[in-house]
Amino acid sequence: MASGYDQDKTEPATPKKREDARRKGQVAHSREVSSVIVLFSSLSVFYLAGDWMFGRLSGIAHHTLSHLFLKNFKIETAHVLLWEIFQQVFILLAPLFLTVAVGGILANVSQIGFLLTAKPLTPKLSKLNPINGFKRLFSARSLVETVKSVLKVMIIGGVTYGVLSREMDEIPALIQLNISQVLAFIGHAALKLGFYACLVLVVLAGIDLAFQRWQHERDLRMSKQEVRDEHKQREGDPMVRSRIRAIQREMAMQRMMASVPEATVVITNPTHLAIALKFDRSMPAPLLVAKGAGVIAGRIRDIAGDHNIPIVEQKPLARALYKSVDIDQYIPGELYHAVAEILAYVYRLKGMA
């Protein structure tokens, strides 16, 4: 029965939780997939190169026995003979070892990708705790592994019996065959048995892989509180972020208000909106240096009054500038004419026209 703690873990794992688990070597991995790929690789080598391997093995045996019974066989000769045997056996088994190694690597890469980590090898004192070991021994995972092993043995045993029972009729005839033919029969039967067992293991491996992935997803599940804590850790405390944004807004406001004394004119709504524009003959177009609504508009008007900056009431233009132009942007072409009329009016007031 699941504990209350497990029942609280109803949320799927976040990307960070998955990445942390992967770095620790906690991935969905089926040993059955690796076993079936290694077995299939081995059988393929025996099927494709079995005759060559048998012939080479016979040659090694013949060479060894022919030298062992020489009259002048000495210790020095034994050293040379052992080295030759080692070389020949290495050449004989190299295709098998290479194929099995490649198959094992592909089996793991196909399931979990490229992953190199020493975390699973790190000693943990909790593993030495006999109580924890007893719990793992009788856990649901151990029960599933036991049932899976028993079923695998039973199914493969049934397949083995079925294959061998078909070959039983051929066995009495073996007494009339020579040793090479008997060995060929045994090899053929063994290959047939291996391939049938491999087909069964493919099905079992697919089921086990699906189960391992489901189990992995279940183990990675998080509680709502864990998700919130991770979000806080990644994004920062909401109150701190809110305070930072408030400080940033205040600093932006101060910079904007510091630009108002440089404005050429302030266009108002007249009380709700205020937009400060700056223009001189070196600029390609008038520049909006400050804008605001409500209280901010009042502060812009106050600063403009303190610095003798003309304030012009133009409701449609004020609304258009407030909606379409951001701070430190030039006004768009469609507003040039309306702004030019106001600037001309301001220049006439200052005697600059």
Protein backbone atom coordinates (compact mmCIF):
# COMPACT_ATOMS: atom_id res chain seq x y z
CA MET A 1 0.00 0.00 0.00
CA ALA A 2 1.38 3.43 -0.91
CA SER A 3 2.24 5.77 1.90
CA GLY A 4 0.61 9.14 2.36
CA TYR A 5 3.85 10.74 1.23
CA ASP A 6 3.70 8.86 -2.06
CA GLN A 7 0.04 9.74 -2.50
CA ASP A 8 0.94 13.44 -2.24
CA LYS A 9 3.24 13.10 -5.24
CA THR A 10 0.68 13.68 -7.95
CA GLU A 11 2.59 16.09 -10.22
CA PRO A 12 4.75 14.98 -13.18
CA ALA A 13 8.45 15.64 -12.81
CA THR A 14 9.76 18.99 -13.95
CA PRO A 15 12.61 19.23 -16.51
CA LYS A 16 15.00 20.18 -13.69
CA LYS A 17 14.00 17.13 -11.64
CA ARG A 18 14.53 14.90 -14.68
CA GLU A 19 17.93 16.42 -15.39
CA ASP A 20 19.03 16.06 -11.76
CA ALA A 21 17.91 12.42 -11.76
CA ARG A 22 19.77 11.76 -15.01
CA ARG A 23 22.98 13.24 -13.60
CA LYS A 24 22.63 10.82 -10.69
CA GLY A 25 22.22 7.90 -13.09
CA GLN A 26 18.51 7.47 -12.32
CA VAL A 27 17.11 6.61 -15.74
CA ALA A 28 14.53 4.23 -17.19
CA HIS A 29 16.68 1.25 -18.14
CA SER A 30 15.65 -2.32 -18.87
CA ARG A 31 18.23 -5.05 -18.40
CA GLU A 32 16.03 -7.31 -20.54
CA VAL A 33 16.57 -5.09 -23.59
CA SER A 34 20.34 -5.26 -23.10
CA SER A 35 20.20 -9.03 -22.63
CA VAL A 36 18.15 -9.68 -25.76
CA ILE A 37 20.36 -7.44 -27.94
CA VAL A 38 23.54 -9.11 -26.63
CA LEU A 39 22.00 -12.56 -27.15
CA PHE A 40 20.86 -11.71 -30.66
CA SER A 41 24.32 -10.33 -31.49
CA SER A 42 25.98 -13.52 -30.25
CA LEU A 43 23.61 -15.75 -32.18
CA SER A 44 24.17 -13.70 -35.33
CA VAL A 45 27.92 -14.21 -35.05
CA PHE A 46 27.50 -17.97 -34.60
CA TYR A 47 25.04 -18.14 -37.49
CA LEU A 48 27.18 -16.15 -39.93
CA ALA A 49 30.64 -17.30 -38.83
CA GLY A 50 29.90 -20.61 -37.11
CA ASP A 51 31.54 -22.75 -39.81
CA TRP A 52 34.65 -20.56 -39.81
CA MET A 53 34.85 -20.63 -36.00
CA PHE A 54 34.42 -24.40 -35.88
CA GLY A 55 37.06 -24.90 -38.55
CA ARG A 56 39.50 -22.61 -36.80
CA LEU A 57 38.82 -24.28 -33.45
CA SER A 58 39.53 -27.68 -35.03
CA GLY A 59 42.76 -26.32 -36.46
CA ILE A 60 43.83 -25.02 -33.04
CA ALA A 61 43.08 -28.38 -31.43
CA HIS A 62 44.95 -30.27 -34.15
CA HIS A 63 47.95 -27.93 -33.92
CA THR A 64 48.07 -28.18 -30.13
CA LEU A 65 47.78 -31.95 -29.93
CA SER A 66 50.28 -32.53 -32.72
CA HIS A 67 52.92 -30.53 -30.82
CA LEU A 68 52.17 -31.96 -27.38
CA PHE A 69 53.20 -35.47 -28.40
CA LEU A 70 56.43 -34.56 -30.10
CA LYS A 71 59.46 -36.42 -28.77
CA ASN A 72 61.53 -33.23 -28.53
CA PHE A 73 58.81 -31.24 -26.68
CA LYS A 74 60.51 -28.94 -24.13
CA ILE A 75 59.59 -26.10 -21.76
CA GLU A 76 60.74 -23.51 -24.31
CA THR A 77 58.51 -25.14 -26.88
CA ALA A 78 55.58 -25.01 -24.45
CA HIS A 79 55.97 -21.24 -24.04
CA VAL A 80 55.89 -20.74 -27.79
CA LEU A 81 52.94 -23.12 -28.14
CA LEU A 82 50.94 -21.34 -25.42
CA TRP A 83 51.55 -17.96 -27.06
CA GLU A 84 50.42 -19.32 -30.43
CA ILE A 85 47.30 -20.81 -28.85
CA PHE A 86 46.51 -17.50 -27.16
CA GLN A 87 46.83 -15.61 -30.46
CA GLN A 88 44.65 -18.09 -32.31
CA VAL A 89 41.96 -18.11 -29.62
CA PHE A 90 41.98 -14.31 -29.55
CA ILE A 91 41.47 -14.19 -33.32
CA LEU A 92 38.73 -16.80 -32.99
CA LEU A 93 36.80 -14.93 -30.29
CA ALA A 94 37.49 -11.36 -31.45
CA PRO A 95 34.41 -11.15 -33.74
CA LEU A 96 32.19 -12.44 -30.94
CA PHE A 97 33.62 -10.07 -28.30
CA LEU A 98 33.49 -7.08 -30.64
CA THR A 99 29.91 -7.76 -31.71
CA VAL A 100 28.72 -8.30 -28.13
CA ALA A 101 30.47 -5.11 -26.97
CA VAL A 102 28.90 -3.05 -29.77
CA GLY A 103 25.51 -4.64 -29.09
CA GLY A 104 25.75 -3.84 -25.38
CA ILE A 105 26.67 -0.22 -26.07
CA LEU A 106 23.85 0.19 -28.59
CA ALA A 107 21.39 -1.40 -26.16
CA ASN A 108 22.17 1.19 -23.51
CA VAL A 109 22.46 4.18 -25.84
CA SER A 110 19.13 3.35 -27.49
CA GLN A 111 17.42 3.45 -24.10
CA ILE A 112 19.07 6.35 -22.25
CA GLY A 113 21.33 8.10 -24.77
CA PHE A 114 24.93 8.95 -24.00
CA LEU A 115 25.35 9.16 -20.23
CA LEU A 116 28.60 9.00 -18.26
CA THR A 117 28.25 9.39 -14.50
CA ALA A 118 29.96 7.92 -11.46
CA LYS A 119 27.10 8.76 -9.08
CA PRO A 120 25.67 5.21 -8.95
CA LEU A 121 29.14 3.95 -7.90
CA THR A 122 29.41 6.38 -4.98
CA PRO A 123 29.27 4.45 -1.67
CA LYS A 124 26.17 5.14 0.42
CA LEU A 125 25.99 4.30 4.10
CA SER A 126 22.22 3.82 3.79
CA LYS A 127 22.87 0.72 1.69
CA LEU A 128 24.68 -0.84 4.65
CA ASN A 129 21.64 -0.44 6.86
CA PRO A 130 20.16 -3.95 7.35
CA ILE A 131 16.68 -2.52 7.94
CA ASN A 132 16.73 -0.67 4.63
CA GLY A 133 18.12 -3.77 2.95
CA PHE A 134 15.31 -5.87 4.40
CA LYS A 135 12.75 -3.34 3.12
CA ARG A 136 14.28 -3.42 -0.36
CA LEU A 137 14.27 -7.22 -0.30
CA PHE A 138 10.50 -7.30 0.26
CA SER A 139 9.58 -4.16 -1.65
CA ALA A 140 7.12 -4.04 -4.55
CA ARG A 141 10.00 -3.60 -6.99
CA SER A 142 11.71 -6.77 -5.72
CA LEU A 143 8.43 -8.66 -5.98
CA VAL A 144 8.00 -7.55 -9.59
CA GLU A 145 11.58 -8.59 -10.42
CA THR A 146 11.00 -12.00 -8.83
CA VAL A 147 7.76 -12.58 -10.71
CA LYS A 148 9.41 -11.43 -13.93
CA SER A 149 12.33 -13.84 -13.46
CA VAL A 150 10.02 -16.77 -12.73
CA LEU A 151 7.87 -16.03 -15.76
CA LYS A 152 10.95 -15.69 -17.95
CA VAL A 153 12.29 -19.05 -16.82
CA MET A 154 8.91 -20.72 -17.34
CA ILE A 155 8.36 -19.23 -20.79
CA ILE A 156 11.88 -19.94 -22.03
CA GLY A 157 11.67 -23.42 -20.51
CA GLY A 158 8.48 -24.04 -22.45
CA VAL A 159 10.08 -22.79 -25.66
CA THR A 160 13.12 -24.99 -25.03
CA TYR A 161 10.94 -28.06 -24.50
CA GLY A 162 8.95 -27.29 -27.64
CA VAL A 163 12.05 -26.90 -29.82
CA LEU A 164 13.87 -29.95 -28.43
CA SER A 165 10.79 -32.17 -28.65
CA ARG A 166 10.76 -31.59 -32.41
CA GLU A 167 14.39 -32.66 -32.63
CA MET A 168 13.93 -35.84 -30.59
CA ASP A 169 13.08 -37.92 -33.67
CA GLU A 170 16.49 -37.07 -35.14
CA ILE A 171 18.51 -38.20 -32.12
CA PRO A 172 18.47 -42.00 -32.77
CA ALA A 173 19.95 -41.41 -36.21
CA LEU A 174 22.98 -39.65 -34.70
CA ILE A 175 24.67 -42.99 -33.94
CA GLN A 176 25.18 -43.49 -37.67
CA LEU A 177 26.88 -40.10 -38.16
CA ASN A 178 30.49 -39.09 -37.64
CA ILE A 179 31.59 -36.65 -34.97
CA SER A 180 31.54 -33.57 -37.24
CA GLN A 181 27.97 -34.32 -38.34
CA VAL A 182 26.89 -34.82 -34.72
CA LEU A 183 28.46 -31.50 -33.76
CA ALA A 184 26.77 -29.83 -36.73
CA PHE A 185 23.41 -31.21 -35.58
CA ILE A 186 24.01 -29.95 -32.01
CA GLY A 187 25.06 -26.53 -33.31
CA HIS A 188 22.01 -26.28 -35.57
CA ALA A 189 19.68 -27.24 -32.71
CA ALA A 190 21.37 -24.82 -30.34
CA LEU A 191 21.03 -21.96 -32.83
CA LYS A 192 17.37 -22.76 -33.43
CA LEU A 193 16.75 -22.87 -29.68
CA GLY A 194 18.61 -19.61 -29.19
CA PHE A 195 16.69 -17.74 -31.89
CA TYR A 196 13.30 -18.94 -30.61
CA ALA A 197 14.29 -17.91 -27.10
CA CYS A 198 15.45 -14.56 -28.48
CA LEU A 199 12.05 -13.96 -30.09
CA VAL A 200 10.35 -14.61 -26.76
CA LEU A 201 12.81 -12.32 -24.98
CA VAL A 202 12.03 -9.53 -27.46
CA VAL A 203 8.41 -9.55 -26.29
CA LEU A 204 9.44 -9.72 -22.62
CA ALA A 205 11.99 -6.93 -23.15
CA GLY A 206 9.34 -4.66 -24.70
CA ILE A 207 7.01 -5.25 -21.77
CA ASP A 208 9.81 -4.72 -19.26
CA LEU A 209 10.97 -1.51 -20.95
CA ALA A 210 7.43 -0.09 -20.81
CA PHE A 211 7.19 -1.08 -17.15
CA GLN A 212 10.58 0.45 -16.29
CA ARG A 213 9.61 3.75 -17.92
CA TRP A 214 6.30 3.78 -16.08
CA GLN A 215 8.08 2.98 -12.81
CA HIS A 216 10.67 5.69 -13.49
CA GLU A 217 7.99 8.30 -14.14
CA ARG A 218 6.20 7.20 -10.95
CA ASP A 219 9.40 7.49 -8.90
CA LEU A 220 10.07 10.99 -10.26
CA ARG A 221 6.63 12.34 -9.41
CA MET A 222 6.61 15.43 -7.22
CA SER A 223 4.23 16.93 -4.72
CA LYS A 224 2.69 20.33 -5.37
CA GLN A 225 4.87 21.77 -2.61
CA GLU A 226 8.03 20.40 -4.26
CA VAL A 227 7.02 22.00 -7.55
CA ARG A 228 6.44 25.33 -5.82
CA ASP A 229 9.75 25.09 -3.96
CA GLU A 230 11.63 24.32 -7.17
CA HIS A 231 9.94 27.22 -8.91
CA LYS A 232 10.98 29.52 -6.06
CA GLN A 233 14.52 28.22 -6.20
CA ARG A 234 14.72 28.72 -9.96
CA GLU A 235 12.91 32.01 -10.24
CA GLY A 236 13.55 33.46 -6.80
CA ASP A 237 11.12 34.40 -4.05
CA PRO A 238 8.01 36.17 -5.48
CA MET A 239 8.26 38.95 -2.88
CA VAL A 240 11.89 39.56 -3.75
CA ARG A 241 11.10 39.60 -7.47
CA SER A 242 8.23 42.02 -6.87
CA ARG A 243 10.53 44.28 -4.87
CA ILE A 244 13.16 44.18 -7.62
CA ARG A 245 10.57 45.09 -10.26
CA ALA A 246 9.34 47.94 -8.08
CA ILE A 247 12.88 49.27 -7.72
CA GLN A 248 13.43 48.97 -11.46
CA ARG A 249 10.20 50.88 -12.15
CA GLU A 250 11.23 53.57 -9.68
CA MET A 251 14.64 53.94 -11.28
CA ALA A 252 13.06 54.13 -14.74
CA MET A 253 10.65 56.76 -13.43
CA GLN A 254 13.50 58.82 -12.01
CA ARG A 255 15.40 58.66 -15.30
CA MET A 256 12.27 59.72 -17.17
CA MET A 257 11.58 62.63 -14.84
CA ALA A 258 15.21 63.72 -15.16
CA SER A 259 14.62 64.04 -18.93
CA VAL A 260 11.60 66.36 -18.60
CA PRO A 261 13.69 69.56 -18.08
CA GLU A 262 15.30 68.86 -21.48
CA ALA A 263 11.90 68.76 -23.24
CA THR A 264 10.84 71.36 -25.77
CA VAL A 265 7.13 71.10 -25.06
CA VAL A 266 4.66 69.12 -22.92
CA ILE A 267 1.38 68.12 -24.57
CA THR A 268 -1.53 67.40 -22.20
CA ASN A 269 -5.02 65.93 -22.21
CA PRO A 270 -5.21 68.43 -20.23
CA THR A 271 -5.16 66.76 -16.78
CA HIS A 272 -5.13 62.98 -17.35
CA LEU A 273 -2.20 62.66 -19.78
CA ALA A 274 1.09 64.46 -20.21
CA ILE A 275 3.69 63.78 -22.96
CA ALA A 276 7.06 65.57 -23.06
CA LEU A 277 8.69 66.01 -26.49
CA LYS A 278 12.21 67.12 -27.29
CA PHE A 279 13.32 68.55 -30.62
CA ASP A 280 16.20 70.48 -32.11
CA ARG A 281 17.31 70.99 -35.68
CA SER A 282 20.00 68.26 -35.43
CA MET A 283 17.36 65.57 -34.73
CA PRO A 284 15.56 63.63 -37.51
CA ALA A 285 12.21 63.92 -35.70
CA PRO A 286 10.77 64.95 -32.32
CA LEU A 287 11.71 62.54 -29.52
CA LEU A 288 9.33 61.45 -26.75
CA VAL A 289 11.35 61.76 -23.52
CA ALA A 290 8.58 61.25 -20.93
CA LYS A 291 4.93 60.32 -20.69
CA GLY A 292 2.46 59.44 -17.99
CA ALA A 293 -1.12 59.33 -16.82
CA GLY A 294 -2.79 60.49 -13.62
CA VAL A 295 -0.31 61.31 -10.85
CA ILE A 296 2.70 60.85 -13.15
CA ALA A 297 1.16 63.30 -15.63
CA GLY A 298 0.81 65.80 -12.80
CA ARG A 299 4.48 65.40 -11.88
CA ILE A 300 5.51 65.94 -15.51
CA ARG A 301 3.44 69.16 -15.64
CA ASP A 302 4.94 70.36 -12.34
CA ILE A 303 8.51 69.81 -13.52
CA ALA A 304 7.72 71.48 -16.85
CA GLY A 305 6.29 74.49 -14.97
CA ASP A 306 9.35 74.74 -12.74
CA HIS A 307 11.63 74.85 -15.82
CA ASN A 308 9.44 77.19 -17.92
CA ILE A 309 8.68 74.50 -20.51
CA PRO A 310 5.55 75.33 -22.56
CA ILE A 311 2.51 73.16 -21.79
CA VAL A 312 0.06 72.82 -24.69
CA GLU A 313 -3.35 71.23 -24.42
CA GLN A 314 -4.11 68.98 -27.40
CA LYS A 315 -6.36 66.06 -26.42
CA PRO A 316 -6.38 63.91 -29.64
CA LEU A 317 -2.63 64.30 -30.13
CA ALA A 318 -1.89 63.54 -26.47
CA ARG A 319 -3.92 60.32 -26.66
CA ALA A 320 -2.28 59.28 -29.94
CA LEU A 321 1.25 59.90 -28.62
CA TYR A 322 0.55 58.12 -25.33
CA LYS A 323 -0.76 54.99 -27.09
CA SER A 324 1.60 54.71 -30.06
CA VAL A 325 5.00 56.02 -28.94
CA ASP A 326 7.25 54.65 -26.20
CA ILE A 327 9.80 56.59 -24.19
CA ASP A 328 13.01 57.47 -26.08
CA GLN A 329 11.33 56.83 -29.44
CA TYR A 330 10.86 59.24 -32.33
CA ILE A 331 7.27 60.09 -33.22
CA PRO A 332 5.82 58.30 -36.28
CA GLY A 333 5.40 60.05 -39.61
CA GLU A 334 1.61 60.29 -39.38
CA LEU A 335 1.94 62.61 -36.36
CA TYR A 336 4.58 64.90 -37.86
CA HIS A 337 2.11 67.55 -39.06
CA ALA A 338 0.22 67.86 -35.76
CA VAL A 339 3.45 68.01 -33.73
CA ALA A 340 5.02 70.47 -36.18
CA GLU A 341 2.13 72.91 -35.64
CA ILE A 342 2.63 72.79 -31.87
CA LEU A 343 6.42 73.22 -32.18
CA ALA A 344 5.89 76.18 -34.49
CA TYR A 345 3.57 77.69 -31.87
CA VAL A 346 6.18 77.08 -29.14
CA TYR A 347 8.95 78.65 -31.22
CA ARG A 348 6.78 81.71 -31.82
CA LEU A 349 6.23 82.01 -28.06
CA LYS A 350 9.99 81.92 -27.52
CA GLY A 351 10.69 84.22 -30.45
CA MET A 352 12.64 81.48 -32.30
CA ALA A 353 10.45 81.19 -35.39
